[in-house]
């Protein structure tokens, strides 16, 4: 059995940095949320209220991400041999559920008000000022989260949520300008529906990643055939079967396989060197964090029942 060692101190450093990023983003989003709620009440803007609802969902999602980041760093145990990293996947699923609730709520409210938007009282000036403030705050939050967006599924989900907020704020800005210039107050409800359309792809993207991990699908970008070819190319390897590749969480890929070797590899004590070589190959070429190989002589492989590729 062979395992690819990785730098746990580096992982801890990444986790600490992600926590700082999330805390800063939480403070920023919370402040803008309050401003948008007050602005929506003062201006009567549905789009601003919709964006505030979106930000509330994002605020809750960021708090969940922060908790998941802390829990995920707890060490492995006898009951959780891979540690707690999969907590991030469940947290991302909750994030998607929150976003879906926002989509439904905003869509229903926007459609119910759309026909009454003409002639309704929308004060576009405070609406515009608050939307500009929200856009500026979202840009700052994005810059804070960007460095951690590729490290975990939860950080990526948090980044995408704030990105959606930015686009939503821009939609509110445009609708406020339209109302100021033309008096077309229905632009407010239309902007609310646009925010819904912008959120939907993010919901599906997060759910897709969650389903892929929980369904133990081969990680995206991983070519099992190519991995098999690399293993077969190692000196002394005759065959490889029972190949499994999955992810504990996106970015933490795991591999296992039965490797049939020439008898001389085992007789001459070259198994350890072969395992080291295979571990390094998968880590370097395929970003596999943990790899496990069962080395087998030919006669054992021939007797093994129900082999699969």
Protein backbone atom coordinates (compact mmCIF):
# COMPACT_ATOMS: atom_id res chain seq x y z
CA UNK A 1 0.00 0.00 0.00
CA UNK A 2 1.38 3.42 -0.90
CA UNK A 3 0.33 6.91 0.12
CA UNK A 4 1.33 10.25 -1.33
CA UNK A 5 2.31 12.53 1.52
CA UNK A 6 1.25 16.14 1.41
CA UNK A 7 2.15 19.26 3.37
CA UNK A 8 -0.31 19.53 6.26
CA UNK A 9 1.26 22.79 7.47
CA UNK A 10 0.54 24.28 4.05
CA UNK A 11 -3.08 23.09 4.27
CA UNK A 12 -3.39 24.69 7.70
CA UNK A 13 -1.99 27.94 6.35
CA UNK A 14 -4.48 27.89 3.48
CA UNK A 15 -7.33 27.23 5.91
CA UNK A 16 -6.29 30.13 8.17
CA UNK A 17 -6.05 32.46 5.19
CA UNK A 18 -9.49 31.35 3.98
CA UNK A 19 -10.98 32.05 7.40
CA UNK A 20 -9.59 35.58 7.36
CA UNK A 21 -10.95 36.13 3.86
CA UNK A 22 -14.38 34.86 4.87
CA UNK A 23 -14.49 37.04 8.00
CA UNK A 24 -13.64 40.15 6.01
CA UNK A 25 -16.24 39.30 3.37
CA UNK A 26 -18.87 38.64 6.06
CA UNK A 27 -18.33 42.08 7.59
CA UNK A 28 -18.54 43.75 4.18
CA UNK A 29 -21.66 41.88 3.05
CA UNK A 30 -23.42 42.41 6.41
CA UNK A 31 -22.83 46.16 6.23
CA UNK A 32 -24.12 46.39 2.65
CA UNK A 33 -27.12 44.20 3.51
CA UNK A 34 -28.24 46.68 6.16
CA UNK A 35 -27.70 49.58 3.74
CA UNK A 36 -29.74 47.86 1.02
CA UNK A 37 -32.64 47.03 3.33
CA UNK A 38 -32.79 50.65 4.51
CA UNK A 39 -32.40 51.85 0.91
CA UNK A 40 -35.19 49.54 -0.29
CA UNK A 41 -37.55 50.85 2.40
CA UNK A 42 -36.70 54.49 1.64
CA UNK A 43 -36.85 54.16 -2.16
CA UNK A 44 -39.59 51.54 -2.46
CA UNK A 45 -37.37 49.56 -4.86
CA UNK A 46 -38.19 45.87 -5.34
CA UNK A 47 -34.90 45.30 -7.16
CA UNK A 48 -32.95 46.69 -4.21
CA UNK A 49 -34.96 44.53 -1.83
CA UNK A 50 -34.36 41.49 -4.06
CA UNK A 51 -30.64 42.19 -4.06
CA UNK A 52 -30.79 42.56 -0.27
CA UNK A 53 -32.49 39.16 -0.06
CA UNK A 54 -29.75 37.75 -2.25
CA UNK A 55 -27.14 39.28 0.05
CA UNK A 56 -28.87 37.80 3.10
CA UNK A 57 -28.57 34.38 1.48
CA UNK A 58 -24.92 35.10 0.72
CA UNK A 59 -24.28 36.24 4.28
CA UNK A 60 -25.72 33.01 5.68
CA UNK A 61 -23.76 31.04 3.07
CA UNK A 62 -20.51 32.79 4.02
CA UNK A 63 -21.10 31.99 7.70
CA UNK A 64 -21.73 28.34 6.76
CA UNK A 65 -18.54 28.38 4.68
CA UNK A 66 -16.59 29.79 7.62
CA UNK A 67 -17.90 27.08 9.96
CA UNK A 68 -17.19 24.40 7.35
CA UNK A 69 -13.63 25.68 6.88
CA UNK A 70 -12.99 25.40 10.63
CA UNK A 71 -14.57 21.94 10.92
CA UNK A 72 -12.76 20.67 7.80
CA UNK A 73 -9.38 21.24 9.47
CA UNK A 74 -10.12 18.85 12.30
CA UNK A 75 -7.75 15.88 12.04
CA UNK A 76 -8.72 12.42 10.82
CA UNK A 77 -9.93 9.95 13.44
CA UNK A 78 -10.79 6.27 13.78
CA UNK A 79 -14.38 7.04 12.74
CA UNK A 80 -13.54 9.62 10.05
CA UNK A 81 -10.41 8.30 8.37
CA UNK A 82 -10.47 10.98 5.65
CA UNK A 83 -10.97 13.75 8.20
CA UNK A 84 -13.85 16.21 7.95
CA UNK A 85 -13.26 17.70 4.51
CA UNK A 86 -16.60 16.43 3.16
CA UNK A 87 -18.35 18.83 5.56
CA UNK A 88 -17.54 21.44 2.91
CA UNK A 89 -19.60 19.53 0.37
CA UNK A 90 -22.64 19.40 2.63
CA UNK A 91 -22.23 23.10 3.39
CA UNK A 92 -22.14 23.85 -0.32
CA UNK A 93 -25.39 21.89 -0.69
CA UNK A 94 -26.98 24.11 1.97
CA UNK A 95 -25.67 27.15 0.07
CA UNK A 96 -27.42 25.95 -3.07
CA UNK A 97 -30.65 25.40 -1.14
CA UNK A 98 -30.54 28.95 0.21
CA UNK A 99 -29.97 30.35 -3.25
CA UNK A 100 -32.86 28.31 -4.65
CA UNK A 101 -35.15 29.73 -1.94
CA UNK A 102 -34.07 33.26 -2.87
CA UNK A 103 -34.75 32.56 -6.55
CA UNK A 104 -38.29 31.36 -5.86
CA UNK A 105 -39.11 34.19 -3.45
CA UNK A 106 -37.78 36.96 -5.67
CA UNK A 107 -39.41 35.55 -8.82
CA UNK A 108 -42.85 35.31 -7.20
CA UNK A 109 -42.61 38.82 -5.74
CA UNK A 110 -41.27 40.37 -8.94
CA UNK A 111 -43.99 38.84 -11.11
CA UNK A 112 -46.70 39.89 -8.66
CA UNK A 113 -45.48 43.51 -8.73
CA UNK A 114 -44.50 43.79 -12.38
CA UNK A 115 -47.91 44.81 -13.66
CA UNK A 116 -48.32 47.32 -10.84
CA UNK A 117 -44.85 48.79 -11.33
CA UNK A 118 -46.09 51.47 -13.74
CA UNK A 119 -47.11 54.42 -11.65
CA UNK A 120 -45.78 52.92 -8.43
CA UNK A 121 -43.61 55.13 -6.26
CA UNK A 122 -39.95 54.28 -6.74
CA UNK A 123 -37.43 56.91 -5.64
CA UNK A 124 -34.54 56.16 -7.96
CA UNK A 125 -32.01 58.51 -6.35
CA UNK A 126 -31.46 56.65 -3.03
CA UNK A 127 -31.90 53.41 -4.97
CA UNK A 128 -28.98 54.37 -7.24
CA UNK A 129 -26.73 55.54 -4.40
CA UNK A 130 -27.22 52.37 -2.36
CA UNK A 131 -26.71 50.16 -5.44
CA UNK A 132 -23.42 51.91 -6.21
CA UNK A 133 -22.33 51.36 -2.60
CA UNK A 134 -23.28 47.69 -2.90
CA UNK A 135 -21.35 47.25 -6.14
CA UNK A 136 -18.22 48.84 -4.64
CA UNK A 137 -18.45 46.62 -1.55
CA UNK A 138 -18.90 43.52 -3.70
CA UNK A 139 -15.78 44.36 -5.70
CA UNK A 140 -13.79 44.60 -2.46
CA UNK A 141 -15.23 41.29 -1.21
CA UNK A 142 -14.37 39.59 -4.51
CA UNK A 143 -10.77 40.78 -4.29
CA UNK A 144 -10.59 39.40 -0.76
CA UNK A 145 -12.04 35.99 -1.69
CA UNK A 146 -10.39 35.54 -5.09
CA UNK A 147 -7.15 34.00 -3.82
CA UNK A 148 -9.04 31.26 -1.97
CA UNK A 149 -11.63 30.54 -4.67
CA UNK A 150 -9.64 27.63 -6.15
CA UNK A 151 -8.72 25.95 -2.88
CA UNK A 152 -12.08 24.45 -1.80
CA UNK A 153 -15.61 24.00 -3.10
CA UNK A 154 -16.92 26.18 -0.29
CA UNK A 155 -14.59 29.07 -1.04
CA UNK A 156 -15.53 28.84 -4.70
CA UNK A 157 -19.22 28.85 -3.83
CA UNK A 158 -18.68 31.91 -1.63
CA UNK A 159 -16.80 33.68 -4.43
CA UNK A 160 -19.52 32.89 -6.97
CA UNK A 161 -22.21 34.17 -4.63
CA UNK A 162 -20.47 37.51 -4.17
CA UNK A 163 -19.88 37.69 -7.93
CA UNK A 164 -23.61 37.22 -8.44
CA UNK A 165 -24.21 40.02 -5.93
CA UNK A 166 -22.00 42.32 -7.98
CA UNK A 167 -23.91 41.61 -11.16
CA UNK A 168 -27.16 42.08 -9.25
CA UNK A 169 -25.99 45.46 -7.96
CA UNK A 170 -25.11 46.48 -11.50
CA UNK A 171 -28.62 45.49 -12.62
CA UNK A 172 -30.10 47.69 -9.88
CA UNK A 173 -27.85 50.58 -10.94
CA UNK A 174 -29.01 50.27 -14.55
CA UNK A 175 -32.67 50.10 -13.55
CA UNK A 176 -32.29 53.17 -11.31
CA UNK A 177 -30.69 55.12 -14.14
CA UNK A 178 -33.51 54.04 -16.50
CA UNK A 179 -36.12 55.24 -14.00
CA UNK A 180 -34.31 58.56 -13.47
CA UNK A 181 -33.96 59.20 -17.21
CA UNK A 182 -37.25 57.82 -18.56
CA UNK A 183 -39.58 57.39 -15.58
CA UNK A 184 -40.14 53.74 -16.59
CA UNK A 185 -40.64 52.31 -13.07
CA UNK A 186 -41.29 48.79 -14.38
CA UNK A 187 -37.51 48.61 -14.82
CA UNK A 188 -37.34 47.94 -11.08
CA UNK A 189 -39.34 44.71 -11.30
CA UNK A 190 -37.54 43.70 -14.51
CA UNK A 191 -34.20 44.10 -12.74
CA UNK A 192 -35.49 41.82 -9.97
CA UNK A 193 -36.27 39.10 -12.52
CA UNK A 194 -32.83 39.57 -14.05
CA UNK A 195 -31.26 38.93 -10.65
CA UNK A 196 -33.22 35.66 -10.51
CA UNK A 197 -31.90 34.64 -13.94
CA UNK A 198 -28.34 35.42 -12.82
CA UNK A 199 -28.62 33.30 -9.67
CA UNK A 200 -30.01 30.15 -11.33
CA UNK A 201 -26.80 28.99 -13.11
CA UNK A 202 -24.89 29.28 -9.84
CA UNK A 203 -27.42 27.07 -8.07
CA UNK A 204 -27.04 24.36 -10.74
CA UNK A 205 -23.23 24.66 -10.80
CA UNK A 206 -22.92 24.13 -7.05
CA UNK A 207 -25.42 21.25 -7.09
CA UNK A 208 -23.53 19.62 -9.98
CA UNK A 209 -20.29 19.60 -7.98
CA UNK A 210 -22.02 18.32 -4.86
CA UNK A 211 -23.72 15.46 -6.75
CA UNK A 212 -20.43 14.55 -8.46
CA UNK A 213 -18.60 14.24 -5.14
CA UNK A 214 -21.35 12.41 -3.25
CA UNK A 215 -21.93 10.12 -6.25
CA UNK A 216 -18.18 9.34 -6.24
CA UNK A 217 -17.87 10.27 -9.90
CA UNK A 218 -14.46 10.53 -11.52
CA UNK A 219 -13.27 14.11 -10.87
CA UNK A 220 -13.67 16.47 -13.80
CA UNK A 221 -10.51 16.68 -15.89
CA UNK A 222 -9.28 13.26 -14.77
CA UNK A 223 -8.68 10.70 -17.53
CA UNK A 224 -8.81 7.18 -16.11
CA UNK A 225 -7.51 5.64 -19.34
CA UNK A 226 -4.48 7.91 -19.25
CA UNK A 227 -3.81 7.05 -15.60
CA UNK A 228 -3.97 3.35 -16.46
CA UNK A 229 -1.47 3.90 -19.29
CA UNK A 230 0.95 5.65 -16.92
CA UNK A 231 0.72 2.80 -14.41
CA UNK A 232 1.23 0.16 -17.13
CA UNK A 233 4.29 2.04 -18.36
CA UNK A 234 6.09 1.52 -15.03
CA UNK A 235 8.89 -1.11 -15.21
CA UNK A 236 7.73 -4.51 -13.98
CA UNK A 237 3.98 -3.77 -14.25
CA UNK A 238 2.03 -6.38 -16.25
CA UNK A 239 -1.57 -5.30 -15.77
CA UNK A 240 -3.80 -2.99 -13.74
CA UNK A 241 -7.44 -3.56 -12.78
CA UNK A 242 -10.08 -2.55 -10.22
CA UNK A 243 -9.21 1.10 -10.82
CA UNK A 244 -11.15 3.63 -8.75
CA UNK A 245 -10.82 7.42 -8.82
CA UNK A 246 -13.01 9.74 -6.77
CA UNK A 247 -12.87 12.93 -4.71
CA UNK A 248 -13.42 13.40 -0.98
CA UNK A 249 -14.08 17.02 -1.89
CA UNK A 250 -13.15 18.83 -5.13
CA UNK A 251 -9.39 19.23 -5.12
CA UNK A 252 -8.77 16.19 -2.89
CA UNK A 253 -8.66 13.28 -5.34
CA UNK A 254 -8.21 9.66 -4.26
CA UNK A 255 -7.04 6.68 -6.34
CA UNK A 256 -6.87 2.94 -5.77
CA UNK A 257 -6.00 0.01 -8.04
CA UNK A 258 -4.78 -3.57 -8.15
CA UNK A 259 -1.44 -3.74 -9.98
CA UNK A 260 -0.17 -7.04 -11.38
CA UNK A 261 3.64 -7.19 -11.41
CA UNK A 262 6.34 -9.53 -12.64
CA UNK A 263 7.40 -12.07 -10.01
CA UNK A 264 10.92 -10.69 -10.11
CA UNK A 265 9.70 -7.33 -8.75
CA UNK A 266 8.57 -8.99 -5.54
CA UNK A 267 11.42 -11.52 -5.41
CA UNK A 268 14.10 -8.80 -5.70
CA UNK A 269 12.42 -6.48 -3.16
CA UNK A 270 11.62 -3.76 -5.70
CA UNK A 271 8.01 -3.32 -4.53
CA UNK A 272 8.80 -0.31 -2.35
CA UNK A 273 10.58 1.52 -5.18
CA UNK A 274 7.70 0.76 -7.54
CA UNK A 275 5.14 2.10 -5.06
CA UNK A 276 7.15 5.28 -4.58
CA UNK A 277 7.35 5.75 -8.34
CA UNK A 278 3.61 5.19 -8.84
CA UNK A 279 2.69 7.53 -5.97
CA UNK A 280 4.86 10.28 -7.41
CA UNK A 281 3.47 9.74 -10.90
CA UNK A 282 -0.15 10.16 -9.81
CA UNK A 283 0.62 13.12 -7.57
CA UNK A 284 2.64 14.98 -10.20
CA UNK A 285 0.61 14.22 -13.34
CA UNK A 286 -2.94 13.79 -12.06
CA UNK A 287 -3.13 15.79 -8.82
CA UNK A 288 -4.04 12.72 -6.78
CA UNK A 289 -3.63 13.46 -3.08
CA UNK A 290 -3.98 9.87 -1.81
CA UNK A 291 -3.12 6.80 -3.86
CA UNK A 292 -3.37 3.15 -2.81
CA UNK A 293 -1.97 0.23 -4.81
CA UNK A 294 -2.35 -3.49 -4.19
CA UNK A 295 0.62 -5.23 -5.82
CA UNK A 296 -0.18 -8.75 -7.01
CA UNK A 297 1.83 -11.57 -8.62
CA UNK A 298 0.34 -13.06 -11.80
CA UNK A 299 -1.02 -16.19 -10.15
CA UNK A 300 -2.91 -14.20 -7.51
CA UNK A 301 -4.49 -11.94 -10.15
CA UNK A 302 -5.59 -14.96 -12.15
CA UNK A 303 -7.42 -16.40 -9.12
CA UNK A 304 -9.03 -13.10 -8.12
CA UNK A 305 -12.81 -13.23 -8.70
CA UNK A 306 -14.85 -10.65 -10.64
CA UNK A 307 -12.14 -8.28 -11.72
CA UNK A 308 -13.20 -5.12 -13.49
CA UNK A 309 -11.16 -2.56 -15.46
